Amino acid sequence: MKSLTCLAIFTFAFCLATAVRIKNCGGKANIDYQNIQITGCSPKLPYCIFEKNHTAQLSIPFSSNTEITSLKAVVHGVIGGIPIPFPLDNPEACGQSLTCPVAAHTNVTYFEGLPVKPIYPSLRLTVKWALQDQAGVDQVCILIPVKLQ
């Protein structure tokens, strides 16, 4: 039984090690990458699957080194190296998923849903998700490999 438990733990750890690779793209905040959650991500695939006619949910835990009085999401789909703006209905994080101001070094989690419309083409791309503070500085900036289907 002990061997089976060890094997299960090893297998789980291996799957996590080969999971989707979310990258930092220059954000100033400390991001808790281990606890980022995104709909459609699987340890079996190198990308997340965003299904059309559904809403992809994401949560990003982070801690800023400076006080945040305003925070807005700026999202792009990067296709062939070209960033294409993806406007959100309500990009303001404060008053939605966060209560601002947020004191420096406070752990918070940003939540958002991204509607995947049926008119979007089926393709692989990188989603660039940034959270810009009151000074226009990227506190959070992550790159998420995605397949739309």
N, C-alpha and C. Protein backbone atom coordinates (compact mmCIF):
# COMPACT_ATOMS: atom_id res chain seq x y z
N MET A 1 0.83 -1.19 0.00
CA MET A 1 0.00 0.00 0.00
C MET A 1 0.87 1.25 0.00
N LYS A 2 1.97 1.20 0.78
CA LYS A 2 2.88 2.34 0.85
C LYS A 2 3.49 2.62 -0.53
N SER A 3 3.83 1.56 -1.26
CA SER A 3 4.41 1.72 -2.59
C SER A 3 3.40 2.36 -3.54
N LEU A 4 2.15 1.94 -3.43
CA LEU A 4 1.10 2.49 -4.27
C LEU A 4 0.90 3.98 -3.99
N THR A 5 0.94 4.35 -2.72
CA THR A 5 0.80 5.76 -2.34
C THR A 5 1.96 6.57 -2.89
N CYS A 6 3.17 6.07 -2.76
CA CYS A 6 4.35 6.77 -3.29
C CYS A 6 4.25 6.92 -4.80
N LEU A 7 3.81 5.86 -5.49
CA LEU A 7 3.65 5.92 -6.93
C LEU A 7 2.62 6.97 -7.32
N ALA A 8 1.51 7.02 -6.61
CA ALA A 8 0.47 8.01 -6.90
C ALA A 8 0.99 9.43 -6.70
N ILE A 9 1.73 9.65 -5.63
CA ILE A 9 2.30 10.98 -5.36
C ILE A 9 3.30 11.35 -6.44
N PHE A 10 4.16 10.42 -6.84
CA PHE A 10 5.14 10.68 -7.89
C PHE A 10 4.45 11.01 -9.20
N THR A 11 3.43 10.23 -9.56
CA THR A 11 2.70 10.47 -10.80
C THR A 11 2.05 11.84 -10.79
N PHE A 12 1.42 12.21 -9.67
CA PHE A 12 0.77 13.52 -9.55
C PHE A 12 1.81 14.63 -9.69
N ALA A 13 2.95 14.48 -9.03
CA ALA A 13 4.00 15.50 -9.10
C ALA A 13 4.54 15.62 -10.52
N PHE A 14 4.69 14.50 -11.23
CA PHE A 14 5.16 14.53 -12.60
C PHE A 14 4.17 15.26 -13.49
N CYS A 15 2.88 14.99 -13.31
CA CYS A 15 1.86 15.67 -14.11
C CYS A 15 1.90 17.17 -13.88
N LEU A 16 2.07 17.57 -12.63
CA LEU A 16 2.15 19.00 -12.34
C LEU A 16 3.39 19.61 -12.99
N ALA A 17 4.47 18.86 -13.02
CA ALA A 17 5.71 19.39 -13.59
C ALA A 17 5.60 19.60 -15.09
N THR A 18 4.71 18.86 -15.76
CA THR A 18 4.56 19.01 -17.20
C THR A 18 3.30 19.77 -17.56
N ALA A 19 2.71 20.45 -16.61
CA ALA A 19 1.47 21.19 -16.85
C ALA A 19 1.74 22.43 -17.69
N VAL A 20 0.67 23.14 -17.97
CA VAL A 20 0.72 24.38 -18.73
C VAL A 20 1.77 25.32 -18.13
N ARG A 21 2.58 25.89 -18.97
CA ARG A 21 3.63 26.81 -18.52
C ARG A 21 3.13 28.25 -18.64
N ILE A 22 2.76 28.82 -17.53
CA ILE A 22 2.35 30.22 -17.48
C ILE A 22 3.61 31.03 -17.20
N LYS A 23 3.84 32.05 -18.01
CA LYS A 23 5.07 32.83 -17.89
C LYS A 23 4.79 34.24 -17.42
N ASN A 24 5.75 34.82 -16.73
CA ASN A 24 5.69 36.21 -16.33
C ASN A 24 6.14 37.07 -17.51
N CYS A 25 5.41 38.16 -17.76
CA CYS A 25 5.81 39.05 -18.85
C CYS A 25 6.12 40.45 -18.32
N GLY A 26 6.70 40.50 -17.13
CA GLY A 26 7.20 41.77 -16.64
C GLY A 26 6.44 42.42 -15.51
N GLY A 27 5.48 41.73 -14.92
CA GLY A 27 4.73 42.30 -13.80
C GLY A 27 5.62 42.52 -12.59
N LYS A 28 5.32 43.55 -11.82
CA LYS A 28 6.12 43.90 -10.64
C LYS A 28 5.71 43.14 -9.38
N ALA A 29 4.48 42.64 -9.33
CA ALA A 29 3.97 41.95 -8.14
C ALA A 29 4.58 40.55 -8.02
N ASN A 30 4.51 40.01 -6.82
CA ASN A 30 4.90 38.63 -6.57
C ASN A 30 3.68 37.75 -6.82
N ILE A 31 3.76 36.92 -7.84
CA ILE A 31 2.64 36.07 -8.23
C ILE A 31 2.84 34.69 -7.64
N ASP A 32 1.78 34.12 -7.10
CA ASP A 32 1.80 32.76 -6.56
C ASP A 32 1.43 31.80 -7.70
N TYR A 33 2.41 31.46 -8.53
CA TYR A 33 2.16 30.65 -9.72
C TYR A 33 1.57 29.29 -9.39
N GLN A 34 1.94 28.72 -8.26
CA GLN A 34 1.45 27.39 -7.88
C GLN A 34 -0.07 27.39 -7.71
N ASN A 35 -0.65 28.53 -7.39
CA ASN A 35 -2.08 28.57 -7.10
C ASN A 35 -2.91 29.34 -8.12
N ILE A 36 -2.32 29.67 -9.27
CA ILE A 36 -3.12 30.23 -10.36
C ILE A 36 -4.07 29.14 -10.84
N GLN A 37 -5.32 29.51 -11.03
CA GLN A 37 -6.31 28.55 -11.53
C GLN A 37 -6.95 29.12 -12.79
N ILE A 38 -7.00 28.29 -13.83
CA ILE A 38 -7.58 28.70 -15.11
C ILE A 38 -8.41 27.56 -15.65
N THR A 39 -9.64 27.87 -16.05
CA THR A 39 -10.53 26.89 -16.66
C THR A 39 -9.85 26.29 -17.89
N GLY A 40 -9.98 24.98 -18.04
CA GLY A 40 -9.49 24.33 -19.25
C GLY A 40 -8.02 23.97 -19.24
N CYS A 41 -7.34 24.23 -18.14
CA CYS A 41 -5.92 23.85 -18.06
C CYS A 41 -5.84 22.44 -17.47
N SER A 42 -4.96 21.65 -18.04
CA SER A 42 -4.81 20.27 -17.61
C SER A 42 -3.33 19.94 -17.54
N PRO A 43 -2.93 19.13 -16.56
CA PRO A 43 -1.52 18.72 -16.50
C PRO A 43 -1.12 17.85 -17.69
N LYS A 44 -2.11 17.40 -18.48
CA LYS A 44 -1.82 16.53 -19.61
C LYS A 44 -1.52 17.30 -20.90
N LEU A 45 -1.78 18.61 -20.90
CA LEU A 45 -1.60 19.41 -22.11
C LEU A 45 -0.67 20.59 -21.86
N PRO A 46 0.06 21.03 -22.89
CA PRO A 46 0.94 22.20 -22.73
C PRO A 46 0.21 23.53 -22.90
N TYR A 47 -1.10 23.48 -23.06
CA TYR A 47 -1.90 24.70 -23.22
C TYR A 47 -3.25 24.50 -22.55
N CYS A 48 -3.95 25.60 -22.33
CA CYS A 48 -5.31 25.55 -21.78
C CYS A 48 -6.29 25.50 -22.95
N ILE A 49 -7.39 24.81 -22.76
CA ILE A 49 -8.43 24.76 -23.79
C ILE A 49 -9.57 25.67 -23.36
N PHE A 50 -9.84 26.70 -24.17
CA PHE A 50 -10.97 27.59 -23.95
C PHE A 50 -12.04 27.21 -24.96
N GLU A 51 -13.17 26.74 -24.46
CA GLU A 51 -14.24 26.30 -25.33
C GLU A 51 -15.16 27.44 -25.70
N LYS A 52 -15.53 27.47 -26.98
CA LYS A 52 -16.45 28.49 -27.47
C LYS A 52 -17.80 28.33 -26.78
N ASN A 53 -18.51 29.44 -26.63
CA ASN A 53 -19.81 29.49 -25.95
C ASN A 53 -19.70 29.22 -24.45
N HIS A 54 -18.50 29.32 -23.91
CA HIS A 54 -18.28 29.17 -22.48
C HIS A 54 -17.47 30.36 -21.97
N THR A 55 -17.39 30.48 -20.69
CA THR A 55 -16.58 31.53 -20.08
C THR A 55 -15.40 30.88 -19.37
N ALA A 56 -14.20 31.27 -19.79
CA ALA A 56 -12.99 30.78 -19.13
C ALA A 56 -12.80 31.60 -17.85
N GLN A 57 -12.66 30.91 -16.74
CA GLN A 57 -12.47 31.57 -15.45
C GLN A 57 -10.99 31.51 -15.07
N LEU A 58 -10.51 32.59 -14.48
CA LEU A 58 -9.15 32.54 -13.97
C LEU A 58 -9.05 33.25 -12.63
N SER A 59 -8.13 32.78 -11.82
CA SER A 59 -7.83 33.44 -10.55
C SER A 59 -6.31 33.51 -10.43
N ILE A 60 -5.84 34.70 -10.05
CA ILE A 60 -4.41 34.95 -9.95
C ILE A 60 -4.10 35.50 -8.56
N PRO A 61 -3.48 34.69 -7.70
CA PRO A 61 -3.08 35.20 -6.38
C PRO A 61 -1.75 35.96 -6.50
N PHE A 62 -1.69 37.13 -5.87
CA PHE A 62 -0.46 37.92 -5.94
C PHE A 62 -0.35 38.85 -4.75
N SER A 63 0.83 39.45 -4.63
CA SER A 63 1.11 40.43 -3.59
C SER A 63 1.96 41.53 -4.21
N SER A 64 1.49 42.77 -4.14
CA SER A 64 2.21 43.89 -4.72
C SER A 64 3.20 44.47 -3.70
N ASN A 65 4.29 44.99 -4.21
CA ASN A 65 5.28 45.63 -3.34
C ASN A 65 4.91 47.08 -3.03
N THR A 66 3.89 47.60 -3.71
CA THR A 66 3.43 48.97 -3.48
C THR A 66 1.92 48.98 -3.26
N GLU A 67 1.41 50.05 -2.68
CA GLU A 67 -0.03 50.17 -2.49
C GLU A 67 -0.73 50.29 -3.84
N ILE A 68 -1.87 49.65 -3.95
CA ILE A 68 -2.68 49.71 -5.18
C ILE A 68 -3.97 50.45 -4.85
N THR A 69 -4.20 51.56 -5.55
CA THR A 69 -5.46 52.30 -5.36
C THR A 69 -6.40 52.09 -6.54
N SER A 70 -5.86 51.63 -7.66
CA SER A 70 -6.65 51.36 -8.85
C SER A 70 -5.96 50.24 -9.61
N LEU A 71 -6.75 49.36 -10.21
CA LEU A 71 -6.18 48.24 -10.95
C LEU A 71 -7.14 47.86 -12.06
N LYS A 72 -6.62 47.81 -13.29
CA LYS A 72 -7.48 47.41 -14.41
C LYS A 72 -6.81 46.34 -15.25
N ALA A 73 -7.64 45.48 -15.81
CA ALA A 73 -7.15 44.39 -16.65
C ALA A 73 -6.98 44.87 -18.08
N VAL A 74 -5.86 44.48 -18.67
CA VAL A 74 -5.59 44.74 -20.08
C VAL A 74 -5.24 43.39 -20.69
N VAL A 75 -6.09 42.93 -21.62
CA VAL A 75 -5.95 41.57 -22.16
C VAL A 75 -5.69 41.65 -23.67
N HIS A 76 -4.75 40.82 -24.12
CA HIS A 76 -4.46 40.70 -25.55
C HIS A 76 -4.39 39.23 -25.92
N GLY A 77 -4.81 38.93 -27.14
CA GLY A 77 -4.54 37.64 -27.74
C GLY A 77 -3.33 37.83 -28.64
N VAL A 78 -2.29 37.06 -28.43
CA VAL A 78 -1.08 37.20 -29.24
C VAL A 78 -1.07 36.07 -30.27
N ILE A 79 -1.20 36.46 -31.54
CA ILE A 79 -1.26 35.49 -32.63
C ILE A 79 -0.12 35.80 -33.59
N GLY A 80 0.77 34.85 -33.77
CA GLY A 80 1.92 35.07 -34.65
C GLY A 80 2.77 36.24 -34.21
N GLY A 81 2.86 36.46 -32.91
CA GLY A 81 3.66 37.54 -32.37
C GLY A 81 2.98 38.90 -32.37
N ILE A 82 1.77 38.97 -32.88
CA ILE A 82 1.04 40.25 -32.96
C ILE A 82 -0.02 40.29 -31.86
N PRO A 83 0.09 41.27 -30.93
CA PRO A 83 -0.92 41.39 -29.86
C PRO A 83 -2.20 42.05 -30.39
N ILE A 84 -3.31 41.38 -30.17
CA ILE A 84 -4.62 41.90 -30.59
C ILE A 84 -5.41 42.20 -29.32
N PRO A 85 -5.80 43.47 -29.12
CA PRO A 85 -6.53 43.84 -27.90
C PRO A 85 -7.82 43.05 -27.75
N PHE A 86 -8.09 42.64 -26.53
CA PHE A 86 -9.34 41.96 -26.20
C PHE A 86 -10.02 42.75 -25.10
N PRO A 87 -10.95 43.62 -25.48
CA PRO A 87 -11.59 44.46 -24.45
C PRO A 87 -12.53 43.64 -23.56
N LEU A 88 -12.42 43.86 -22.27
CA LEU A 88 -13.33 43.23 -21.31
C LEU A 88 -14.51 44.17 -21.08
N ASP A 89 -15.67 43.60 -20.74
CA ASP A 89 -16.84 44.42 -20.45
C ASP A 89 -16.58 45.38 -19.29
N ASN A 90 -15.90 44.88 -18.27
CA ASN A 90 -15.56 45.72 -17.12
C ASN A 90 -14.13 45.39 -16.69
N PRO A 91 -13.16 46.16 -17.19
CA PRO A 91 -11.77 45.84 -16.87
C PRO A 91 -11.32 46.23 -15.47
N GLU A 92 -12.14 47.00 -14.75
CA GLU A 92 -11.75 47.45 -13.41
C GLU A 92 -11.75 46.29 -12.42
N ALA A 93 -10.61 46.02 -11.81
CA ALA A 93 -10.52 44.96 -10.81
C ALA A 93 -11.02 45.45 -9.46
N CYS A 94 -10.74 46.71 -9.16
CA CYS A 94 -11.19 47.28 -7.88
C CYS A 94 -12.71 47.43 -7.91
N GLY A 95 -13.34 46.95 -6.87
CA GLY A 95 -14.79 46.98 -6.81
C GLY A 95 -15.44 45.76 -7.44
N GLN A 96 -14.66 44.96 -8.16
CA GLN A 96 -15.16 43.72 -8.75
C GLN A 96 -14.64 42.54 -7.93
N SER A 97 -13.41 42.14 -8.22
CA SER A 97 -12.84 41.00 -7.49
C SER A 97 -11.90 41.44 -6.37
N LEU A 98 -11.52 42.71 -6.36
CA LEU A 98 -10.64 43.23 -5.31
C LEU A 98 -11.27 44.45 -4.64
N THR A 99 -10.96 44.63 -3.38
CA THR A 99 -11.36 45.83 -2.66
C THR A 99 -10.13 46.72 -2.54
N CYS A 100 -10.20 47.89 -3.13
CA CYS A 100 -9.06 48.81 -3.11
C CYS A 100 -9.34 49.96 -2.15
N PRO A 101 -8.33 50.55 -1.56
CA PRO A 101 -6.92 50.29 -1.82
C PRO A 101 -6.46 48.97 -1.21
N VAL A 102 -5.39 48.44 -1.82
CA VAL A 102 -4.73 47.24 -1.32
C VAL A 102 -3.37 47.66 -0.79
N ALA A 103 -3.12 47.41 0.47
CA ALA A 103 -1.84 47.79 1.08
C ALA A 103 -0.71 46.96 0.48
N ALA A 104 0.47 47.55 0.44
CA ALA A 104 1.65 46.83 -0.04
C ALA A 104 1.85 45.55 0.76
N HIS A 105 2.31 44.52 0.08
CA HIS A 105 2.63 43.21 0.68
C HIS A 105 1.41 42.48 1.23
N THR A 106 0.23 42.81 0.73
CA THR A 106 -1.00 42.12 1.12
C THR A 106 -1.30 41.05 0.07
N ASN A 107 -1.58 39.83 0.50
CA ASN A 107 -1.94 38.77 -0.42
C ASN A 107 -3.39 38.93 -0.85
N VAL A 108 -3.61 39.00 -2.16
CA VAL A 108 -4.96 39.12 -2.72
C VAL A 108 -5.08 38.16 -3.89
N THR A 109 -6.31 37.90 -4.31
CA THR A 109 -6.55 37.07 -5.48
C THR A 109 -7.51 37.78 -6.42
N TYR A 110 -7.08 37.93 -7.65
CA TYR A 110 -7.88 38.54 -8.71
C TYR A 110 -8.66 37.43 -9.42
N PHE A 111 -9.97 37.64 -9.59
CA PHE A 111 -10.84 36.68 -10.29
C PHE A 111 -11.44 37.36 -11.50
N GLU A 112 -11.58 36.62 -12.60
CA GLU A 112 -12.23 37.18 -13.79
C GLU A 112 -12.73 36.05 -14.67
N GLY A 113 -13.74 36.36 -15.46
CA GLY A 113 -14.26 35.44 -16.46
C GLY A 113 -14.04 36.04 -17.84
N LEU A 114 -13.64 35.22 -18.78
CA LEU A 114 -13.39 35.65 -20.14
C LEU A 114 -14.34 34.91 -21.07
N PRO A 115 -15.37 35.61 -21.60
CA PRO A 115 -16.31 34.94 -22.50
C PRO A 115 -15.62 34.54 -23.81
N VAL A 116 -15.80 33.29 -24.20
CA VAL A 116 -15.23 32.80 -25.45
C VAL A 116 -16.38 32.70 -26.45
N LYS A 117 -16.43 33.66 -27.34
CA LYS A 117 -17.56 33.79 -28.27
C LYS A 117 -17.45 32.78 -29.41
N PRO A 118 -18.60 32.33 -29.93
CA PRO A 118 -18.59 31.33 -31.00
C PRO A 118 -17.98 31.85 -32.30
N ILE A 119 -17.91 33.17 -32.46
CA ILE A 119 -17.35 33.72 -33.70
C ILE A 119 -15.82 33.70 -33.72
N TYR A 120 -15.20 33.42 -32.58
CA TYR A 120 -13.74 33.37 -32.53
C TYR A 120 -13.24 32.18 -33.35
N PRO A 121 -12.15 32.35 -34.09
CA PRO A 121 -11.61 31.21 -34.85
C PRO A 121 -11.01 30.16 -33.91
N SER A 122 -11.04 28.92 -34.36
CA SER A 122 -10.40 27.84 -33.61
C SER A 122 -8.91 27.87 -33.93
N LEU A 123 -8.10 28.19 -32.94
CA LEU A 123 -6.66 28.28 -33.14
C LEU A 123 -5.92 28.28 -31.82
N ARG A 124 -4.59 28.17 -31.93
CA ARG A 124 -3.74 28.28 -30.73
C ARG A 124 -3.16 29.68 -30.70
N LEU A 125 -3.09 30.24 -29.50
CA LEU A 125 -2.56 31.58 -29.31
C LEU A 125 -2.04 31.72 -27.90
N THR A 126 -1.46 32.86 -27.61
CA THR A 126 -1.04 33.17 -26.25
C THR A 126 -1.91 34.30 -25.74
N VAL A 127 -2.49 34.12 -24.58
CA VAL A 127 -3.26 35.19 -23.95
C VAL A 127 -2.32 35.94 -23.01
N LYS A 128 -2.22 37.25 -23.25
CA LYS A 128 -1.41 38.11 -22.38
C LYS A 128 -2.37 38.86 -21.46
N TRP A 129 -2.28 38.57 -20.16
CA TRP A 129 -3.20 39.16 -19.19
C TRP A 129 -2.39 40.04 -18.24
N ALA A 130 -2.66 41.35 -18.29
CA ALA A 130 -1.95 42.29 -17.43
C ALA A 130 -2.93 42.99 -16.50
N LEU A 131 -2.48 43.31 -15.31
CA LEU A 131 -3.23 44.13 -14.36
C LEU A 131 -2.40 45.38 -14.11
N GLN A 132 -2.90 46.51 -14.60
CA GLN A 132 -2.16 47.77 -14.49
C GLN A 132 -2.69 48.61 -13.34
N ASP A 133 -1.74 49.15 -12.56
CA ASP A 133 -2.12 49.96 -11.40
C ASP A 133 -2.40 51.41 -11.79
N GLN A 134 -2.61 52.24 -10.78
CA GLN A 134 -2.96 53.64 -10.97
C GLN A 134 -1.92 54.43 -11.76
N ALA A 135 -0.68 53.95 -11.80
CA ALA A 135 0.38 54.63 -12.55
C ALA A 135 0.59 54.02 -13.93
N GLY A 136 -0.25 53.03 -14.30
CA GLY A 136 -0.10 52.36 -15.58
C GLY A 136 0.98 51.29 -15.58
N VAL A 137 1.46 50.93 -14.39
CA VAL A 137 2.50 49.91 -14.25
C VAL A 137 1.85 48.53 -14.19
N ASP A 138 2.41 47.58 -14.93
CA ASP A 138 1.92 46.20 -14.85
C ASP A 138 2.31 45.61 -13.51
N GLN A 139 1.33 45.44 -12.64
CA GLN A 139 1.58 44.74 -11.38
C GLN A 139 1.62 43.24 -11.63
N VAL A 140 0.71 42.78 -12.49
CA VAL A 140 0.65 41.38 -12.90
C VAL A 140 0.71 41.36 -14.41
N CYS A 141 1.50 40.48 -14.97
CA CYS A 141 1.50 40.26 -16.41
C CYS A 141 1.88 38.80 -16.63
N ILE A 142 0.94 38.03 -17.17
CA ILE A 142 1.21 36.61 -17.42
C ILE A 142 0.87 36.27 -18.86
N LEU A 143 1.56 35.28 -19.38
CA LEU A 143 1.32 34.74 -20.71
C LEU A 143 0.78 33.33 -20.54
N ILE A 144 -0.38 33.07 -21.16
CA ILE A 144 -1.05 31.79 -21.02
C ILE A 144 -1.19 31.15 -22.40
N PRO A 145 -0.59 29.98 -22.64
CA PRO A 145 -0.80 29.30 -23.91
C PRO A 145 -2.22 28.72 -23.94
N VAL A 146 -2.95 29.02 -25.02
CA VAL A 146 -4.36 28.66 -25.10
C VAL A 146 -4.69 28.08 -26.47
N LYS A 147 -5.63 27.16 -26.48
CA LYS A 147 -6.22 26.66 -27.72
C LYS A 147 -7.71 26.96 -27.66
N LEU A 148 -8.21 27.71 -28.66
CA LEU A 148 -9.65 27.98 -28.75
C LEU A 148 -10.27 26.86 -29.58
N GLN A 149 -11.37 26.31 -29.07
CA GLN A 149 -12.07 25.27 -29.84
C GLN A 149 -13.54 25.24 -29.53
